[in-house]
Amino acid sequence: MAEKKHVWEPFDWSLEPKKQIAGGPGHDKPETNSFQTALRQIGITDCPICKHEIAVFLTKNSRPFINCSFCSVRIFYNGRESQRRLKRNMQAVEES
């Protein structure tokens, strides 16, 4: 005799007992979460377009850039002269 296949109903998943996931709650391994920001903030300056105060970040290639959420401008400072001007107008942020 062939076994009858179980037809899954929409709410079957809620009636099954919960399964323990390795590393989840109840596991003996201590949790170590270390969060790191995606981009390193190096300072604060005024947006050259709208003059709002915005953060200066470093790209993964260590080039400074700004991303203004007020006027939607994104400026990358790649040359020596532009980086010198940015440094002159920027207020450095202390790292924590």
N, C-alpha and C. Protein backbone atom coordinates (compact mmCIF):
# COMPACT_ATOMS: atom_id res chain seq x y z
N MET A 1 0.82 -1.18 0.00
CA MET A 1 0.00 0.00 0.00
C MET A 1 0.88 1.25 0.00
N ALA A 2 0.58 2.19 -0.83
CA ALA A 2 1.35 3.43 -0.91
C ALA A 2 0.88 4.40 0.17
N GLU A 3 1.87 5.11 0.76
CA GLU A 3 1.51 6.09 1.79
C GLU A 3 0.90 7.31 1.14
N LYS A 4 -0.04 7.89 1.80
CA LYS A 4 -0.69 9.09 1.30
C LYS A 4 0.19 10.29 1.64
N LYS A 5 0.47 11.13 0.64
CA LYS A 5 1.28 12.32 0.88
C LYS A 5 0.48 13.34 1.67
N HIS A 6 1.19 14.01 2.57
CA HIS A 6 0.54 15.05 3.38
C HIS A 6 0.38 16.31 2.53
N VAL A 7 -0.78 16.85 2.50
CA VAL A 7 -1.04 18.11 1.80
C VAL A 7 -0.89 19.23 2.83
N TRP A 8 0.03 20.15 2.56
CA TRP A 8 0.30 21.24 3.49
C TRP A 8 -0.79 22.29 3.41
N GLU A 9 -1.28 22.64 4.55
CA GLU A 9 -2.27 23.69 4.66
C GLU A 9 -1.54 25.00 4.97
N PRO A 10 -2.15 26.12 4.73
CA PRO A 10 -1.47 27.41 4.92
C PRO A 10 -0.92 27.64 6.33
N PHE A 11 -1.58 27.11 7.36
CA PHE A 11 -1.14 27.39 8.73
C PHE A 11 -0.48 26.20 9.41
N ASP A 12 -0.06 25.21 8.67
CA ASP A 12 0.61 24.04 9.26
C ASP A 12 1.90 24.43 9.97
N TRP A 13 2.61 25.42 9.44
CA TRP A 13 3.91 25.79 10.01
C TRP A 13 3.77 26.30 11.43
N SER A 14 2.66 26.92 11.77
CA SER A 14 2.50 27.49 13.11
C SER A 14 2.17 26.42 14.15
N LEU A 15 1.72 25.23 13.72
CA LEU A 15 1.33 24.20 14.66
C LEU A 15 2.47 23.24 14.98
N GLU A 16 3.55 23.29 14.19
CA GLU A 16 4.67 22.40 14.44
C GLU A 16 5.52 22.93 15.60
N PRO A 17 6.16 22.04 16.35
CA PRO A 17 7.02 22.52 17.43
C PRO A 17 8.21 23.29 16.88
N LYS A 18 8.66 24.29 17.63
CA LYS A 18 9.80 25.12 17.23
C LYS A 18 11.08 24.30 17.28
N LYS A 19 11.93 24.45 16.28
CA LYS A 19 13.20 23.74 16.22
C LYS A 19 14.31 24.65 16.71
N GLN A 20 15.25 24.10 17.46
CA GLN A 20 16.40 24.85 17.95
C GLN A 20 17.40 25.04 16.81
N ILE A 21 17.83 26.24 16.60
CA ILE A 21 18.83 26.54 15.59
C ILE A 21 20.18 26.62 16.29
N ALA A 22 21.19 25.99 15.71
CA ALA A 22 22.53 26.02 16.31
C ALA A 22 23.01 27.46 16.43
N GLY A 23 23.46 27.85 17.60
CA GLY A 23 23.94 29.20 17.84
C GLY A 23 22.83 30.16 18.23
N GLY A 24 21.59 29.70 18.25
CA GLY A 24 20.45 30.54 18.58
C GLY A 24 20.25 30.59 20.09
N PRO A 25 19.11 31.08 20.52
CA PRO A 25 18.83 31.16 21.96
C PRO A 25 18.86 29.77 22.59
N GLY A 26 19.41 29.67 23.76
CA GLY A 26 19.49 28.39 24.45
C GLY A 26 20.78 27.65 24.15
N HIS A 27 21.58 28.18 23.28
CA HIS A 27 22.86 27.55 22.94
C HIS A 27 23.90 28.07 23.91
N ASP A 28 24.88 27.25 24.29
CA ASP A 28 25.86 27.62 25.32
C ASP A 28 26.94 28.59 24.84
N LYS A 29 27.08 28.77 23.54
CA LYS A 29 28.12 29.65 23.01
C LYS A 29 27.79 31.11 23.33
N PRO A 30 28.74 31.85 23.93
CA PRO A 30 28.46 33.26 24.26
C PRO A 30 28.35 34.09 22.98
N GLU A 31 27.45 35.07 23.02
CA GLU A 31 27.25 35.94 21.87
C GLU A 31 28.27 37.05 21.85
N THR A 32 28.91 37.26 20.72
CA THR A 32 29.85 38.37 20.57
C THR A 32 29.48 39.11 19.29
N ASN A 33 28.80 40.22 19.46
CA ASN A 33 28.43 41.06 18.33
C ASN A 33 29.33 42.28 18.31
N SER A 34 29.96 42.51 17.20
CA SER A 34 30.75 43.72 17.05
C SER A 34 30.30 44.40 15.76
N PHE A 35 29.73 45.58 15.91
CA PHE A 35 29.22 46.32 14.77
C PHE A 35 30.25 47.34 14.33
N GLN A 36 30.33 47.52 13.03
CA GLN A 36 31.27 48.48 12.47
C GLN A 36 30.52 49.27 11.41
N THR A 37 30.75 50.58 11.38
CA THR A 37 30.07 51.40 10.39
C THR A 37 30.56 51.05 9.00
N ALA A 38 29.70 51.26 8.02
CA ALA A 38 30.04 50.91 6.65
C ALA A 38 31.12 51.85 6.10
N LEU A 39 31.01 53.12 6.40
CA LEU A 39 31.99 54.11 5.93
C LEU A 39 32.53 54.88 7.12
N ARG A 40 33.80 55.19 7.09
CA ARG A 40 34.43 55.91 8.19
C ARG A 40 34.22 57.41 8.02
N GLN A 41 33.63 58.06 9.04
CA GLN A 41 33.41 59.50 9.00
C GLN A 41 34.66 60.19 9.51
N ILE A 42 35.17 61.15 8.74
CA ILE A 42 36.40 61.84 9.14
C ILE A 42 36.18 63.28 9.55
N GLY A 43 35.02 63.84 9.22
CA GLY A 43 34.79 65.23 9.60
C GLY A 43 33.43 65.73 9.20
N ILE A 44 33.25 67.04 9.43
CA ILE A 44 32.00 67.72 9.10
C ILE A 44 32.36 68.98 8.33
N THR A 45 31.59 69.26 7.29
CA THR A 45 31.79 70.47 6.50
C THR A 45 30.44 70.94 5.98
N ASP A 46 30.44 72.12 5.36
CA ASP A 46 29.22 72.63 4.75
C ASP A 46 29.13 72.14 3.31
N CYS A 47 27.91 71.84 2.88
CA CYS A 47 27.68 71.41 1.50
C CYS A 47 27.99 72.61 0.59
N PRO A 48 28.78 72.41 -0.45
CA PRO A 48 29.10 73.54 -1.34
C PRO A 48 27.90 74.03 -2.15
N ILE A 49 26.83 73.26 -2.23
CA ILE A 49 25.66 73.65 -3.01
C ILE A 49 24.61 74.35 -2.14
N CYS A 50 24.16 73.66 -1.08
CA CYS A 50 23.05 74.18 -0.27
C CYS A 50 23.48 74.74 1.08
N LYS A 51 24.75 74.59 1.44
CA LYS A 51 25.34 75.14 2.68
C LYS A 51 24.82 74.49 3.96
N HIS A 52 24.20 73.30 3.89
CA HIS A 52 23.85 72.56 5.09
C HIS A 52 25.09 71.86 5.62
N GLU A 53 25.13 71.63 6.93
CA GLU A 53 26.26 70.92 7.53
C GLU A 53 26.10 69.43 7.28
N ILE A 54 27.14 68.81 6.69
CA ILE A 54 27.08 67.39 6.34
C ILE A 54 28.37 66.69 6.74
N ALA A 55 28.33 65.37 6.76
CA ALA A 55 29.47 64.55 7.15
C ALA A 55 30.36 64.27 5.94
N VAL A 56 31.65 64.13 6.22
CA VAL A 56 32.63 63.75 5.20
C VAL A 56 33.05 62.32 5.50
N PHE A 57 32.94 61.44 4.51
CA PHE A 57 33.27 60.04 4.67
C PHE A 57 34.47 59.67 3.81
N LEU A 58 35.08 58.52 4.13
CA LEU A 58 36.15 57.96 3.30
C LEU A 58 35.61 56.78 2.52
N THR A 59 35.98 56.70 1.24
CA THR A 59 35.60 55.55 0.42
C THR A 59 36.49 54.38 0.80
N LYS A 60 36.23 53.22 0.20
CA LYS A 60 37.07 52.05 0.47
C LYS A 60 38.49 52.24 -0.05
N ASN A 61 38.69 53.20 -0.96
CA ASN A 61 40.04 53.52 -1.47
C ASN A 61 40.65 54.70 -0.75
N SER A 62 40.09 55.08 0.41
CA SER A 62 40.57 56.17 1.27
C SER A 62 40.54 57.52 0.58
N ARG A 63 39.50 57.78 -0.18
CA ARG A 63 39.28 59.09 -0.79
C ARG A 63 38.08 59.74 -0.11
N PRO A 64 38.19 61.02 0.27
CA PRO A 64 37.06 61.67 0.94
C PRO A 64 35.92 61.98 -0.03
N PHE A 65 34.69 61.91 0.49
CA PHE A 65 33.53 62.32 -0.29
C PHE A 65 32.41 62.77 0.63
N ILE A 66 31.49 63.54 0.05
CA ILE A 66 30.32 63.99 0.79
C ILE A 66 29.08 63.52 0.05
N ASN A 67 28.02 63.32 0.80
CA ASN A 67 26.73 62.89 0.25
C ASN A 67 25.66 63.69 0.98
N CYS A 68 25.18 64.75 0.35
CA CYS A 68 24.22 65.65 0.99
C CYS A 68 22.81 65.10 0.81
N SER A 69 22.11 64.89 1.92
CA SER A 69 20.74 64.38 1.85
C SER A 69 19.73 65.50 1.61
N PHE A 70 20.17 66.75 1.72
CA PHE A 70 19.25 67.87 1.51
C PHE A 70 19.09 68.20 0.03
N CYS A 71 20.22 68.31 -0.71
CA CYS A 71 20.16 68.66 -2.12
C CYS A 71 20.54 67.50 -3.04
N SER A 72 20.83 66.34 -2.46
CA SER A 72 21.14 65.09 -3.19
C SER A 72 22.43 65.15 -4.00
N VAL A 73 23.35 66.01 -3.63
CA VAL A 73 24.63 66.06 -4.33
C VAL A 73 25.59 65.05 -3.72
N ARG A 74 26.43 64.46 -4.55
CA ARG A 74 27.45 63.53 -4.11
C ARG A 74 28.76 63.98 -4.75
N ILE A 75 29.73 64.37 -3.92
CA ILE A 75 30.98 64.92 -4.44
C ILE A 75 32.15 64.09 -3.91
N PHE A 76 33.00 63.63 -4.84
CA PHE A 76 34.20 62.88 -4.50
C PHE A 76 35.41 63.80 -4.67
N TYR A 77 36.27 63.85 -3.68
CA TYR A 77 37.47 64.69 -3.71
C TYR A 77 38.66 63.80 -4.05
N ASN A 78 39.02 63.73 -5.33
CA ASN A 78 40.07 62.83 -5.78
C ASN A 78 41.43 63.51 -5.95
N GLY A 79 41.45 64.77 -6.32
CA GLY A 79 42.72 65.46 -6.56
C GLY A 79 43.34 66.03 -5.31
N ARG A 80 44.64 66.34 -5.39
CA ARG A 80 45.35 66.91 -4.23
C ARG A 80 44.81 68.27 -3.84
N GLU A 81 44.54 69.12 -4.84
CA GLU A 81 44.06 70.47 -4.56
C GLU A 81 42.67 70.44 -3.92
N SER A 82 41.79 69.59 -4.44
CA SER A 82 40.43 69.50 -3.87
C SER A 82 40.47 68.94 -2.44
N GLN A 83 41.37 67.98 -2.19
CA GLN A 83 41.50 67.44 -0.83
C GLN A 83 42.08 68.48 0.12
N ARG A 84 42.99 69.31 -0.39
CA ARG A 84 43.57 70.38 0.44
C ARG A 84 42.50 71.39 0.82
N ARG A 85 41.65 71.77 -0.14
CA ARG A 85 40.57 72.73 0.13
C ARG A 85 39.53 72.14 1.09
N LEU A 86 39.21 70.87 0.92
CA LEU A 86 38.27 70.22 1.82
C LEU A 86 38.83 70.20 3.24
N LYS A 87 40.10 69.86 3.38
CA LYS A 87 40.73 69.78 4.71
C LYS A 87 40.72 71.14 5.39
N ARG A 88 40.89 72.21 4.60
CA ARG A 88 40.90 73.57 5.16
C ARG A 88 39.51 73.95 5.69
N ASN A 89 38.44 73.50 5.04
CA ASN A 89 37.08 73.86 5.44
C ASN A 89 36.42 72.88 6.38
N MET A 90 37.03 71.72 6.60
CA MET A 90 36.43 70.64 7.38
C MET A 90 36.79 70.71 8.85
N GLN A 91 35.83 70.36 9.71
CA GLN A 91 36.08 70.20 11.14
C GLN A 91 36.27 68.72 11.40
N ALA A 92 37.41 68.34 11.95
CA ALA A 92 37.71 66.92 12.18
C ALA A 92 36.81 66.36 13.28
N VAL A 93 36.45 65.09 13.16
CA VAL A 93 35.63 64.39 14.14
C VAL A 93 36.52 63.43 14.91
N GLU A 94 36.35 63.43 16.24
CA GLU A 94 37.14 62.50 17.06
C GLU A 94 36.62 61.09 16.88
N GLU A 95 37.53 60.13 16.74
CA GLU A 95 37.14 58.73 16.61
C GLU A 95 36.91 58.14 17.99
N SER A 96 35.91 57.27 18.07
CA SER A 96 35.61 56.65 19.37
C SER A 96 35.94 55.20 19.35
